Amino acid sequence: MAETAAPAKEHAEKPASPKLLEGGQLVDHRDGRDVVLKLRGVRTQFGDNIIHDNLDFDVFRGEIVGLVGGSGTGKSVLLRTIIGLNGHTKGTIEMLGVDISTLHGQAERAMQARTGVQFQDGALFSSLSVTDNIIVPVREHVGLEEQTMRDIAALKVAMVGLPPDAGDKKPSELSGGMRKRASLARALALDPDLLFLDEPTAGLDPIGAAHYDELVKDLNKSLGVTILMVTHDLDSLYAVCDRIAVLLDKRVVVGTIDELLGFDHPWVQEYFRGPRGRAAAKQQE
């Protein structure tokens, strides 16, 4: 009687899940630093569609972390969940040592004052000047005298590299790159401990994107602000980020570029070792 051949596997086996350290790390980089953003066992979902599950993620004080992932991995969903615009159905998110699910009323407002957000489209009020856009969070959270708030706005305009007269202009009167900087100025209005950037270089030409990357690095160094940046820009990842968080299989893997280059996962290898990844690496040599 002829031997029966073993049935062929219908699907290729998925790569084994990595054995990660605390906070999704490939290698421990804490080095005594405070954890200013801590996610443990986080699940996000829409109806029955689970976007992230059992996700752990740490961001340390003073670092710049890039958040990347393939299409549909929920980069913006995770960012919006962290800043409280989306809810999570499981797990905890601690920001600056406080579980954000416990924040209500004045405590929630106080936490908002310690964070800044630059949305991808800028989210500036079209009817207000740049100065008045920057003043909005100052008036809401601090309520200083009008001239003092305008002085703060002028300082932020200069801080992000805009000319002084940009403060008098409406967003529609600015170039795309200037609108990005105006939005960043508003995000910095209250001198936040944590700064969240959503695709900050999207839509910029290579020169404008490179200048923006330099600005982000300078702000991180001069202000000590911790930055989490959602991006797909490989040049920014190489030029700016201390570590990179990669969304994979509903979880996150965090490491330096060198650590991720040694991580055996098809998407990671294709992303960082593909033509665009090699070009970005060569540019930084």
Protein backbone atom coordinates (compact mmCIF):
# COMPACT_ATOMS: atom_id res chain seq x y z
CA MET A 1 0.00 0.00 0.00
CA ALA A 2 1.49 3.35 -1.06
CA GLU A 3 2.39 5.81 1.66
CA THR A 4 0.10 8.78 2.00
CA ALA A 5 1.91 12.08 1.57
CA ALA A 6 1.66 14.50 4.46
CA PRO A 7 -0.83 17.28 3.73
CA ALA A 8 0.76 20.53 2.59
CA LYS A 9 0.57 23.45 4.96
CA GLU A 10 -2.07 25.88 3.81
CA HIS A 11 -0.29 28.93 5.17
CA ALA A 12 3.31 29.81 5.83
CA GLU A 13 4.12 29.91 9.51
CA LYS A 14 4.22 33.34 11.06
CA PRO A 15 7.55 34.44 12.50
CA ALA A 16 7.85 33.64 16.17
CA SER A 17 6.90 36.48 18.47
CA PRO A 18 10.01 38.10 19.95
CA LYS A 19 10.82 37.72 23.61
CA LEU A 20 10.64 41.34 24.66
CA LEU A 21 11.80 43.11 27.78
CA GLU A 22 9.63 45.43 29.84
CA GLY A 23 7.89 48.08 27.75
CA GLY A 24 8.29 46.23 24.45
CA GLN A 25 12.08 46.71 24.37
CA LEU A 26 14.51 44.52 22.45
CA VAL A 27 17.32 45.82 24.69
CA ASP A 28 16.99 47.60 28.05
CA HIS A 29 17.58 51.32 27.51
CA ARG A 30 16.07 52.68 30.70
CA ASP A 31 19.43 53.42 32.33
CA GLY A 32 17.81 54.94 35.42
CA ARG A 33 15.60 57.35 33.48
CA ASP A 34 11.99 58.09 34.38
CA VAL A 35 9.28 56.44 32.33
CA VAL A 36 7.07 59.35 31.26
CA LEU A 37 4.72 57.27 29.11
CA LYS A 38 3.86 53.71 30.12
CA LEU A 39 1.39 51.39 28.39
CA ARG A 40 0.64 47.95 29.81
CA GLY A 41 -1.67 45.33 28.29
CA VAL A 42 -3.46 47.92 26.16
CA ARG A 43 -6.21 46.86 23.79
CA THR A 44 -7.87 49.17 21.27
CA GLN A 45 -10.76 48.08 19.11
CA PHE A 46 -13.68 49.26 17.02
CA GLY A 47 -16.57 46.87 17.47
CA ASP A 48 -15.16 43.37 17.05
CA ASN A 49 -12.10 44.64 15.17
CA ILE A 50 -9.13 44.57 17.56
CA ILE A 51 -6.42 47.00 16.45
CA HIS A 52 -3.91 46.52 19.30
CA ASP A 53 -3.89 43.78 21.92
CA ASN A 54 -1.80 43.26 25.06
CA LEU A 55 0.45 46.13 23.96
CA ASP A 56 3.28 47.25 26.26
CA PHE A 57 5.27 50.39 25.50
CA ASP A 58 7.58 52.71 27.46
CA VAL A 59 8.93 56.15 26.56
CA PHE A 60 11.74 57.54 28.72
CA ARG A 61 12.21 61.15 29.77
CA GLY A 62 14.14 63.27 27.30
CA GLU A 63 14.16 60.90 24.34
CA ILE A 64 12.68 61.11 20.85
CA VAL A 65 10.78 57.99 19.84
CA GLY A 66 9.45 57.35 16.35
CA LEU A 67 6.28 55.28 15.93
CA VAL A 68 6.03 53.35 12.66
CA GLY A 69 4.08 50.44 11.21
CA GLY A 70 2.52 49.09 8.07
CA SER A 71 -0.83 50.17 6.69
CA GLY A 72 -3.64 49.25 9.06
CA THR A 73 -1.46 48.76 12.13
CA GLY A 74 -3.12 51.71 13.86
CA LYS A 75 -0.36 54.28 14.32
CA SER A 76 -2.73 57.23 14.52
CA VAL A 77 -5.23 55.16 16.51
CA LEU A 78 -2.59 54.48 19.14
CA LEU A 79 -1.55 58.13 19.27
CA ARG A 80 -5.15 59.28 19.63
CA THR A 81 -5.66 56.69 22.37
CA ILE A 82 -2.61 57.88 24.28
CA ILE A 83 -3.73 61.52 24.20
CA GLY A 84 -7.26 60.57 25.23
CA LEU A 85 -9.20 61.15 22.01
CA ASN A 86 -9.96 57.42 21.65
CA GLY A 87 -10.78 55.04 24.46
CA HIS A 88 -9.07 51.71 25.14
CA THR A 89 -10.97 48.61 26.22
CA LYS A 90 -8.26 46.93 28.26
CA GLY A 91 -4.99 47.76 30.01
CA THR A 92 -3.55 50.94 31.48
CA ILE A 93 -1.93 54.07 30.08
CA GLU A 94 0.17 56.13 32.49
CA MET A 95 1.32 59.58 31.46
CA LEU A 96 3.81 61.38 33.69
CA GLY A 97 3.09 58.83 36.41
CA VAL A 98 -0.71 59.11 36.33
CA ASP A 99 -3.23 56.61 34.95
CA ILE A 100 -5.10 58.70 32.39
CA SER A 101 -8.34 56.79 32.97
CA THR A 102 -8.52 58.31 36.47
CA LEU A 103 -8.29 61.90 35.21
CA HIS A 104 -11.41 64.03 35.24
CA GLY A 105 -12.21 67.72 35.48
CA GLN A 106 -9.39 69.89 36.76
CA ALA A 107 -6.93 66.98 36.96
CA GLU A 108 -7.52 66.19 33.30
CA ARG A 109 -7.03 69.83 32.34
CA ALA A 110 -3.79 69.94 34.34
CA MET A 111 -2.46 66.93 32.43
CA GLN A 112 -3.47 68.48 29.11
CA ALA A 113 -1.43 71.54 30.04
CA ARG A 114 1.66 69.34 30.42
CA THR A 115 1.35 67.86 26.94
CA GLY A 116 1.45 69.34 23.45
CA VAL A 117 0.09 67.86 20.23
CA GLN A 118 0.82 68.72 16.63
CA PHE A 119 -1.75 67.06 14.39
CA GLN A 120 -0.91 66.03 10.85
CA ASP A 121 -3.10 68.69 9.25
CA GLY A 122 -2.00 71.34 11.74
CA ALA A 123 -5.54 71.81 13.13
CA LEU A 124 -5.07 75.58 13.29
CA PHE A 125 -8.16 77.78 13.53
CA SER A 126 -8.45 79.28 10.06
CA SER A 127 -10.19 82.45 11.28
CA LEU A 128 -7.46 83.31 13.80
CA SER A 129 -3.98 84.70 13.29
CA VAL A 130 -0.99 82.55 14.18
CA THR A 131 -0.53 84.58 17.37
CA ASP A 132 -4.15 84.07 18.40
CA ASN A 133 -3.89 80.34 17.62
CA ILE A 134 -0.91 80.07 19.96
CA ILE A 135 -2.73 82.02 22.65
CA VAL A 136 -5.72 79.62 22.69
CA PRO A 137 -4.18 77.00 25.05
CA VAL A 138 -2.53 79.72 27.17
CA ARG A 139 -5.86 81.46 27.70
CA GLU A 140 -7.64 78.16 28.39
CA HIS A 141 -5.18 76.79 30.93
CA VAL A 142 -3.40 79.82 32.43
CA GLY A 143 -5.35 82.99 31.71
CA LEU A 144 -2.61 85.61 31.84
CA GLU A 145 -2.87 89.26 30.89
CA GLU A 146 -3.38 89.82 27.17
CA GLN A 147 0.02 91.42 26.54
CA THR A 148 1.81 88.67 28.45
CA MET A 149 0.08 86.03 26.31
CA ARG A 150 1.08 87.90 23.16
CA ASP A 151 4.67 88.05 24.38
CA ILE A 152 4.59 84.28 24.92
CA ALA A 153 3.20 83.78 21.41
CA ALA A 154 5.97 85.94 19.92
CA LEU A 155 8.55 83.86 21.78
CA LYS A 156 7.10 80.62 20.41
CA VAL A 157 6.98 82.03 16.87
CA ALA A 158 10.70 82.76 17.12
CA MET A 159 11.41 79.42 18.77
CA VAL A 160 10.13 77.45 15.77
CA GLY A 161 12.02 79.59 13.27
CA LEU A 162 9.19 81.70 11.87
CA PRO A 163 9.71 85.39 11.06
CA PRO A 164 8.12 87.87 13.51
CA ASP A 165 5.44 88.99 11.05
CA ALA A 166 4.17 85.40 10.71
CA GLY A 167 2.28 85.90 13.97
CA ASP A 168 -0.02 88.43 12.32
CA LYS A 169 -0.95 86.15 9.43
CA LYS A 170 -3.82 83.69 9.04
CA PRO A 171 -2.94 80.04 8.34
CA SER A 172 -4.12 80.43 4.73
CA GLU A 173 -1.43 83.07 4.18
CA LEU A 174 1.39 80.70 5.12
CA SER A 175 3.20 78.04 3.12
CA GLY A 176 2.76 74.40 4.11
CA GLY A 177 6.06 74.34 5.96
CA MET A 178 5.24 77.55 7.83
CA ARG A 179 1.85 76.14 8.87
CA LYS A 180 3.64 73.09 10.27
CA ARG A 181 5.87 75.36 12.34
CA ALA A 182 2.93 77.49 13.48
CA SER A 183 1.15 74.34 14.66
CA LEU A 184 4.30 73.28 16.50
CA ALA A 185 4.50 76.72 18.13
CA ARG A 186 0.98 76.24 19.49
CA ALA A 187 1.86 72.75 20.75
CA LEU A 188 4.78 74.31 22.65
CA ALA A 189 2.75 77.20 24.06
CA LEU A 190 2.64 75.82 27.61
CA ASP A 191 6.18 74.39 27.70
CA PRO A 192 4.98 70.76 27.76
CA ASP A 193 6.84 67.83 29.29
CA LEU A 194 5.55 65.55 26.51
CA LEU A 195 5.18 66.48 22.86
CA PHE A 196 3.24 64.35 20.36
CA LEU A 197 3.83 64.84 16.63
CA ASP A 198 1.62 63.19 14.00
CA GLU A 199 3.40 62.89 10.63
CA PRO A 200 5.18 66.25 11.11
CA THR A 201 7.08 66.18 7.80
CA ALA A 202 4.23 64.86 5.62
CA GLY A 203 3.77 67.05 2.56
CA LEU A 204 7.10 68.83 2.93
CA ASP A 205 9.79 68.76 0.25
CA PRO A 206 13.07 67.02 1.22
CA ILE A 207 14.82 70.28 2.14
CA GLY A 208 11.88 71.50 4.23
CA ALA A 209 11.62 68.10 5.93
CA ALA A 210 15.34 68.11 6.78
CA HIS A 211 15.07 71.60 8.28
CA TYR A 212 12.06 70.48 10.32
CA ASP A 213 14.00 67.45 11.59
CA GLU A 214 16.79 69.76 12.75
CA LEU A 215 14.24 71.95 14.54
CA VAL A 216 12.79 68.95 16.39
CA LYS A 217 16.26 67.85 17.50
CA ASP A 218 17.15 71.36 18.65
CA LEU A 219 13.92 71.69 20.66
CA ASN A 220 14.48 68.31 22.29
CA LYS A 221 18.02 69.31 23.27
CA SER A 222 17.31 72.86 24.41
CA LEU A 223 13.98 72.27 26.18
CA GLY A 224 14.46 68.69 27.35
CA VAL A 225 10.99 67.86 26.03
CA THR A 226 10.18 64.18 25.46
CA ILE A 227 8.83 63.53 21.96
CA LEU A 228 6.73 60.72 20.48
CA MET A 229 6.52 61.12 16.72
CA VAL A 230 4.30 59.14 14.35
CA THR A 231 6.02 59.12 10.98
CA HIS A 232 6.62 57.10 7.82
CA ASP A 233 9.63 59.24 6.87
CA LEU A 234 12.74 57.06 7.04
CA ASP A 235 15.00 60.10 6.80
CA SER A 236 13.39 61.48 9.97
CA LEU A 237 13.79 58.17 11.78
CA TYR A 238 17.51 58.07 11.03
CA ALA A 239 18.12 61.78 11.64
CA VAL A 240 16.03 62.42 14.74
CA CYS A 241 14.96 59.37 16.74
CA ASP A 242 16.77 57.80 19.68
CA ARG A 243 14.57 54.72 19.46
CA ILE A 244 11.83 53.46 17.16
CA ALA A 245 8.60 51.69 18.13
CA VAL A 246 7.35 49.35 15.41
CA LEU A 247 3.74 48.17 15.44
CA LEU A 248 3.68 44.46 14.57
CA ASP A 249 0.97 41.84 15.06
CA LYS A 250 -1.12 44.17 17.26
CA ARG A 251 1.82 44.82 19.61
CA VAL A 252 4.91 47.01 19.62
CA VAL A 253 8.62 46.26 19.38
CA VAL A 254 10.99 49.05 20.47
CA GLY A 255 14.67 49.47 19.73
CA THR A 256 17.36 51.53 18.10
CA ILE A 257 17.74 51.24 14.34
CA ASP A 258 20.73 48.93 14.79
CA GLU A 259 18.73 46.68 17.11
CA LEU A 260 15.81 46.58 14.70
CA LEU A 261 18.12 45.78 11.77
CA GLY A 262 19.08 42.66 13.69
CA PHE A 263 15.47 41.72 14.44
CA ASP A 264 14.29 38.84 12.25
CA HIS A 265 10.85 39.95 11.11
CA PRO A 266 9.93 40.25 7.39
CA TRP A 267 8.24 43.66 7.63
CA VAL A 268 11.03 45.17 9.71
CA GLN A 269 13.71 43.85 7.37
CA GLU A 270 11.89 45.03 4.26
CA TYR A 271 11.23 48.45 5.78
CA PHE A 272 14.75 49.22 7.01
CA ARG A 273 16.77 47.25 4.45
CA GLY A 274 14.68 48.07 1.37
CA PRO A 275 15.77 50.69 -1.19
CA ARG A 276 14.35 53.65 0.76
CA GLY A 277 15.79 52.40 4.02
CA ARG A 278 19.24 51.96 2.48
CA ALA A 279 19.05 55.44 0.95
CA ALA A 280 18.10 56.99 4.31
CA ALA A 281 20.95 55.15 6.05
CA LYS A 282 23.46 56.24 3.42
CA GLN A 283 22.37 59.86 3.76
CA GLN A 284 23.27 59.79 7.46
CA GLU A 285 26.76 58.37 6.89
